[in-house]
């Protein structure tokens, strides 16, 4: 996953308008392109969430006393880093337009066997 964090550093996190013709030229139609991007975004979202939760668990306090809960500067920095990352949908869109995604139909794989 750390490889993903390095890859997304160069991606602009801001949303911008996209040319629909780019999407439909890389897939059979626009709906297929959006479906591929949405599925990849879900995977990225899950992976990033698991990674972030794993890092934040290191700072988890086992007691329930409010007095013992202190703000941890490292924990805040980790959270801010993940907040600054582009959203999973922006990453997935970038990967799709840069031909970094590979996809296929499940039904066609079953028919070939």
C-alpha atoms as a PDB file:
ATOM      1  CA  UNK A   1       0.000   0.000   0.000  1.00  0.00           C
ATOM      2  CA  UNK A   2       2.890   2.361   0.599  1.00  0.00           C
ATOM      3  CA  UNK A   3       3.537   2.069  -3.126  1.00  0.00           C
ATOM      4  CA  UNK A   4       0.069   3.514  -3.749  1.00  0.00           C
ATOM      5  CA  UNK A   5       0.814   6.454  -1.463  1.00  0.00           C
ATOM      6  CA  UNK A   6       3.944   7.207  -3.481  1.00  0.00           C
ATOM      7  CA  UNK A   7       2.077   6.945  -6.784  1.00  0.00           C
ATOM      8  CA  UNK A   8      -0.691   9.345  -5.796  1.00  0.00           C
ATOM      9  CA  UNK A   9       1.658  12.068  -4.599  1.00  0.00           C
ATOM     10  CA  UNK A  10       1.801  13.561  -8.108  1.00  0.00           C
ATOM     11  CA  UNK A  11      -1.961  13.500  -8.683  1.00  0.00           C
ATOM     12  CA  UNK A  12      -3.805  16.770  -8.291  1.00  0.00           C
ATOM     13  CA  UNK A  13      -6.381  16.189  -5.501  1.00  0.00           C
ATOM     14  CA  UNK A  14      -8.768  18.780  -6.930  1.00  0.00           C
ATOM     15  CA  UNK A  15     -11.673  17.672  -9.068  1.00  0.00           C
ATOM     16  CA  UNK A  16     -11.718  18.978 -12.600  1.00  0.00           C
ATOM     17  CA  UNK A  17     -14.018  18.622 -15.560  1.00  0.00           C
ATOM     18  CA  UNK A  18     -13.257  15.676 -17.827  1.00  0.00           C
ATOM     19  CA  UNK A  19     -13.950  15.090 -21.485  1.00  0.00           C
ATOM     20  CA  UNK A  20     -16.506  12.301 -21.814  1.00  0.00           C
ATOM     21  CA  UNK A  21     -14.995  11.267 -25.142  1.00  0.00           C
ATOM     22  CA  UNK A  22     -11.807  10.227 -23.326  1.00  0.00           C
ATOM     23  CA  UNK A  23     -13.788   7.814 -21.167  1.00  0.00           C
ATOM     24  CA  UNK A  24     -15.768   6.267 -23.994  1.00  0.00           C
ATOM     25  CA  UNK A  25     -12.657   5.861 -26.165  1.00  0.00           C
ATOM     26  CA  UNK A  26     -11.037   3.658 -23.503  1.00  0.00           C
ATOM     27  CA  UNK A  27     -14.117   1.487 -22.922  1.00  0.00           C
ATOM     28  CA  UNK A  28     -17.046   0.175 -24.916  1.00  0.00           C
ATOM     29  CA  UNK A  29     -19.244   3.019 -23.644  1.00  0.00           C
ATOM     30  CA  UNK A  30     -19.384   5.671 -20.933  1.00  0.00           C
ATOM     31  CA  UNK A  31     -21.333   3.453 -18.534  1.00  0.00           C
ATOM     32  CA  UNK A  32     -18.706   0.739 -18.687  1.00  0.00           C
ATOM     33  CA  UNK A  33     -15.982   3.306 -18.012  1.00  0.00           C
ATOM     34  CA  UNK A  34     -17.830   4.705 -14.999  1.00  0.00           C
ATOM     35  CA  UNK A  35     -18.429   1.197 -13.658  1.00  0.00           C
ATOM     36  CA  UNK A  36     -14.728   0.316 -13.920  1.00  0.00           C
ATOM     37  CA  UNK A  37     -13.737   3.566 -12.194  1.00  0.00           C
ATOM     38  CA  UNK A  38     -16.327   3.095  -9.434  1.00  0.00           C
ATOM     39  CA  UNK A  39     -15.182  -0.463  -8.687  1.00  0.00           C
ATOM     40  CA  UNK A  40     -11.537   0.625  -8.523  1.00  0.00           C
ATOM     41  CA  UNK A  41     -12.452   3.574  -6.284  1.00  0.00           C
ATOM     42  CA  UNK A  42     -14.217   1.191  -3.866  1.00  0.00           C
ATOM     43  CA  UNK A  43     -11.106  -0.995  -3.705  1.00  0.00           C
ATOM     44  CA  UNK A  44      -8.870   2.001  -3.100  1.00  0.00           C
ATOM     45  CA  UNK A  45     -11.185   3.355  -0.431  1.00  0.00           C
ATOM     46  CA  UNK A  46     -11.199   0.058   1.437  1.00  0.00           C
ATOM     47  CA  UNK A  47      -7.427  -0.329   1.212  1.00  0.00           C
ATOM     48  CA  UNK A  48      -6.745   3.214   2.397  1.00  0.00           C
ATOM     49  CA  UNK A  49      -9.214   2.848   5.261  1.00  0.00           C
ATOM     50  CA  UNK A  50      -7.599  -0.394   6.436  1.00  0.00           C
ATOM     51  CA  UNK A  51      -4.144   1.163   6.239  1.00  0.00           C
ATOM     52  CA  UNK A  52      -5.183   4.305   8.115  1.00  0.00           C
ATOM     53  CA  UNK A  53      -6.965   2.323  10.832  1.00  0.00           C
ATOM     54  CA  UNK A  54      -3.889   0.124  11.223  1.00  0.00           C
ATOM     55  CA  UNK A  55      -1.660   3.142  11.716  1.00  0.00           C
ATOM     56  CA  UNK A  56      -4.073   4.797  14.157  1.00  0.00           C
ATOM     57  CA  UNK A  57      -4.430   1.605  16.210  1.00  0.00           C
ATOM     58  CA  UNK A  58      -0.830   2.091  17.288  1.00  0.00           C
ATOM     59  CA  UNK A  59      -2.003   5.135  19.221  1.00  0.00           C
ATOM     60  CA  UNK A  60      -5.132   3.542  20.685  1.00  0.00           C
ATOM     61  CA  UNK A  61      -5.508   3.900  24.449  1.00  0.00           C
ATOM     62  CA  UNK A  62      -6.788   0.826  26.257  1.00  0.00           C
ATOM     63  CA  UNK A  63      -8.370   2.703  29.165  1.00  0.00           C
ATOM     64  CA  UNK A  64     -11.647   4.579  29.048  1.00  0.00           C
ATOM     65  CA  UNK A  65     -10.609   7.448  31.304  1.00  0.00           C
ATOM     66  CA  UNK A  66     -11.013  10.801  29.603  1.00  0.00           C
ATOM     67  CA  UNK A  67      -8.099  12.299  31.526  1.00  0.00           C
ATOM     68  CA  UNK A  68      -5.695   9.844  29.921  1.00  0.00           C
ATOM     69  CA  UNK A  69      -6.666  10.659  26.352  1.00  0.00           C
ATOM     70  CA  UNK A  70      -4.134  13.140  25.043  1.00  0.00           C
ATOM     71  CA  UNK A  71      -3.698  14.612  21.618  1.00  0.00           C
ATOM     72  CA  UNK A  72      -0.833  12.868  19.948  1.00  0.00           C
ATOM     73  CA  UNK A  73       1.039  15.002  17.434  1.00  0.00           C
ATOM     74  CA  UNK A  74       2.060  11.968  15.329  1.00  0.00           C
ATOM     75  CA  UNK A  75      -1.536  10.777  15.157  1.00  0.00           C
ATOM     76  CA  UNK A  76      -2.670  14.207  13.970  1.00  0.00           C
ATOM     77  CA  UNK A  77       0.057  14.286  11.303  1.00  0.00           C
ATOM     78  CA  UNK A  78      -0.945  10.843  10.004  1.00  0.00           C
ATOM     79  CA  UNK A  79      -4.587  11.913   9.816  1.00  0.00           C
ATOM     80  CA  UNK A  80      -3.694  15.123   7.989  1.00  0.00           C
ATOM     81  CA  UNK A  81      -1.558  13.198   5.496  1.00  0.00           C
ATOM     82  CA  UNK A  82      -4.471  10.934   4.582  1.00  0.00           C
ATOM     83  CA  UNK A  83      -6.841  13.900   4.367  1.00  0.00           C
ATOM     84  CA  UNK A  84      -4.552  15.567   1.818  1.00  0.00           C
ATOM     85  CA  UNK A  85      -4.469  12.502  -0.433  1.00  0.00           C
ATOM     86  CA  UNK A  86      -6.689  12.655  -3.507  1.00  0.00           C
ATOM     87  CA  UNK A  87     -10.029  10.939  -3.091  1.00  0.00           C
ATOM     88  CA  UNK A  88     -10.258   7.333  -4.293  1.00  0.00           C
ATOM     89  CA  UNK A  89     -12.498   8.389  -7.174  1.00  0.00           C
ATOM     90  CA  UNK A  90      -9.915  10.938  -8.373  1.00  0.00           C
ATOM     91  CA  UNK A  91      -7.158   8.312  -8.145  1.00  0.00           C
ATOM     92  CA  UNK A  92      -9.273   5.731  -9.991  1.00  0.00           C
ATOM     93  CA  UNK A  93     -10.179   8.222 -12.728  1.00  0.00           C
ATOM     94  CA  UNK A  94      -6.525   9.138 -13.176  1.00  0.00           C
ATOM     95  CA  UNK A  95      -5.543   5.458 -13.377  1.00  0.00           C
ATOM     96  CA  UNK A  96      -8.276   4.786 -15.938  1.00  0.00           C
ATOM     97  CA  UNK A  97      -7.343   7.707 -18.182  1.00  0.00           C
ATOM     98  CA  UNK A  98      -3.630   6.832 -17.979  1.00  0.00           C
ATOM     99  CA  UNK A  99      -4.357   3.202 -18.983  1.00  0.00           C
ATOM    100  CA  UNK A 100      -3.103   1.897 -15.636  1.00  0.00           C
ATOM    101  CA  UNK A 101      -6.239  -0.191 -15.049  1.00  0.00           C
ATOM    102  CA  UNK A 102      -6.816  -3.583 -16.555  1.00  0.00           C
ATOM    103  CA  UNK A 103     -10.345  -4.991 -16.597  1.00  0.00           C
ATOM    104  CA  UNK A 104     -12.281  -7.838 -18.165  1.00  0.00           C
ATOM    105  CA  UNK A 105     -15.740  -9.377 -18.117  1.00  0.00           C
ATOM    106  CA  UNK A 106     -16.346 -12.316 -15.794  1.00  0.00           C
ATOM    107  CA  UNK A 107     -18.891 -13.927 -18.142  1.00  0.00           C
ATOM    108  CA  UNK A 108     -16.430 -13.955 -21.028  1.00  0.00           C
ATOM    109  CA  UNK A 109     -13.802 -15.621 -18.825  1.00  0.00           C
ATOM    110  CA  UNK A 110     -16.267 -18.386 -17.931  1.00  0.00           C
ATOM    111  CA  UNK A 111     -17.276 -18.923 -21.572  1.00  0.00           C
ATOM    112  CA  UNK A 112     -13.651 -19.351 -22.650  1.00  0.00           C
ATOM    113  CA  UNK A 113     -13.079 -22.238 -20.176  1.00  0.00           C
END
